[in-house]
């Protein structure tokens, strides 16, 4: 089952975080959050398999603190 681990404020931030997570070997899926008309400027959910959620949280925390 896929689990939302972070909601990014923009598609660009979501893509950057996805790149970091996939470089660590995690499976990642992005999904627009809220209005489907938000496009690239709207919030995007970052999802990973439930078994990888804890590791994903750690990687995202490290990435955002740098």
C-alpha atoms as a PDB file:
ATOM      1  CA  UNK A   1       0.000   0.000   0.000  1.00  0.00           C
ATOM      2  CA  UNK A   2       1.261   3.470  -0.889  1.00  0.00           C
ATOM      3  CA  UNK A   3       1.575   5.999   1.950  1.00  0.00           C
ATOM      4  CA  UNK A   4       1.819   9.794   1.797  1.00  0.00           C
ATOM      5  CA  UNK A   5       5.044  10.824   3.533  1.00  0.00           C
ATOM      6  CA  UNK A   6       5.135  14.519   2.631  1.00  0.00           C
ATOM      7  CA  UNK A   7       3.049  17.196   0.934  1.00  0.00           C
ATOM      8  CA  UNK A   8       5.275  19.527  -1.058  1.00  0.00           C
ATOM      9  CA  UNK A   9       4.152  23.086  -1.761  1.00  0.00           C
ATOM     10  CA  UNK A  10       5.073  22.844  -5.457  1.00  0.00           C
ATOM     11  CA  UNK A  11       5.725  20.259  -8.141  1.00  0.00           C
ATOM     12  CA  UNK A  12       9.380  21.363  -8.333  1.00  0.00           C
ATOM     13  CA  UNK A  13       9.960  20.647  -4.636  1.00  0.00           C
ATOM     14  CA  UNK A  14       8.163  17.316  -5.007  1.00  0.00           C
ATOM     15  CA  UNK A  15      10.371  16.385  -7.978  1.00  0.00           C
ATOM     16  CA  UNK A  16      13.531  17.352  -6.051  1.00  0.00           C
ATOM     17  CA  UNK A  17      12.518  15.236  -3.056  1.00  0.00           C
ATOM     18  CA  UNK A  18      11.550  12.357  -5.342  1.00  0.00           C
ATOM     19  CA  UNK A  19      15.018  12.474  -6.915  1.00  0.00           C
ATOM     20  CA  UNK A  20      16.652  12.282  -3.471  1.00  0.00           C
ATOM     21  CA  UNK A  21      14.458   9.387  -2.385  1.00  0.00           C
ATOM     22  CA  UNK A  22      14.952   7.385  -5.569  1.00  0.00           C
ATOM     23  CA  UNK A  23      18.716   7.909  -5.407  1.00  0.00           C
ATOM     24  CA  UNK A  24      18.529   6.143  -2.020  1.00  0.00           C
ATOM     25  CA  UNK A  25      16.722   3.209  -3.636  1.00  0.00           C
ATOM     26  CA  UNK A  26      13.138   3.980  -2.606  1.00  0.00           C
ATOM     27  CA  UNK A  27      10.100   3.644  -4.851  1.00  0.00           C
ATOM     28  CA  UNK A  28       8.336   7.008  -5.137  1.00  0.00           C
ATOM     29  CA  UNK A  29       5.120   8.234  -6.699  1.00  0.00           C
ATOM     30  CA  UNK A  30       3.884  11.836  -6.961  1.00  0.00           C
ATOM     31  CA  UNK A  31       0.248  12.912  -6.966  1.00  0.00           C
ATOM     32  CA  UNK A  32      -1.310  16.355  -7.199  1.00  0.00           C
ATOM     33  CA  UNK A  33      -3.057  17.301  -3.963  1.00  0.00           C
ATOM     34  CA  UNK A  34      -6.289  19.222  -3.776  1.00  0.00           C
ATOM     35  CA  UNK A  35      -7.607  20.871  -6.917  1.00  0.00           C
ATOM     36  CA  UNK A  36      -6.625  19.074 -10.109  1.00  0.00           C
ATOM     37  CA  UNK A  37      -6.331  22.491 -11.756  1.00  0.00           C
ATOM     38  CA  UNK A  38      -3.467  23.517  -9.456  1.00  0.00           C
ATOM     39  CA  UNK A  39      -0.933  22.348 -12.037  1.00  0.00           C
ATOM     40  CA  UNK A  40       2.755  22.754 -11.277  1.00  0.00           C
ATOM     41  CA  UNK A  41       2.220  25.469  -8.667  1.00  0.00           C
ATOM     42  CA  UNK A  42      -0.105  23.486  -6.416  1.00  0.00           C
ATOM     43  CA  UNK A  43       0.706  21.086  -3.621  1.00  0.00           C
ATOM     44  CA  UNK A  44       1.875  17.579  -4.496  1.00  0.00           C
ATOM     45  CA  UNK A  45       1.868  14.467  -2.340  1.00  0.00           C
ATOM     46  CA  UNK A  46       4.928  12.256  -2.158  1.00  0.00           C
ATOM     47  CA  UNK A  47       4.014   8.604  -1.701  1.00  0.00           C
ATOM     48  CA  UNK A  48       6.168   5.564  -0.957  1.00  0.00           C
ATOM     49  CA  UNK A  49       5.348   1.959  -0.126  1.00  0.00           C
ATOM     50  CA  UNK A  50       4.269   1.672   3.512  1.00  0.00           C
ATOM     51  CA  UNK A  51       7.335  -0.444   4.324  1.00  0.00           C
ATOM     52  CA  UNK A  52       9.634   2.416   3.223  1.00  0.00           C
ATOM     53  CA  UNK A  53       7.797   5.275   4.965  1.00  0.00           C
ATOM     54  CA  UNK A  54      10.082   5.579   7.988  1.00  0.00           C
ATOM     55  CA  UNK A  55      13.224   5.694   5.848  1.00  0.00           C
ATOM     56  CA  UNK A  56      11.570   8.215   3.526  1.00  0.00           C
ATOM     57  CA  UNK A  57      10.754  10.502   6.473  1.00  0.00           C
ATOM     58  CA  UNK A  58      14.386  10.419   7.576  1.00  0.00           C
ATOM     59  CA  UNK A  59      15.678  11.242   4.098  1.00  0.00           C
ATOM     60  CA  UNK A  60      13.173  14.070   3.624  1.00  0.00           C
ATOM     61  CA  UNK A  61      14.059  15.542   7.045  1.00  0.00           C
ATOM     62  CA  UNK A  62      17.763  15.473   6.205  1.00  0.00           C
ATOM     63  CA  UNK A  63      17.151  16.991   2.770  1.00  0.00           C
ATOM     64  CA  UNK A  64      14.991  19.842   4.043  1.00  0.00           C
ATOM     65  CA  UNK A  65      17.354  20.702   6.890  1.00  0.00           C
ATOM     66  CA  UNK A  66      20.266  21.308   4.485  1.00  0.00           C
END
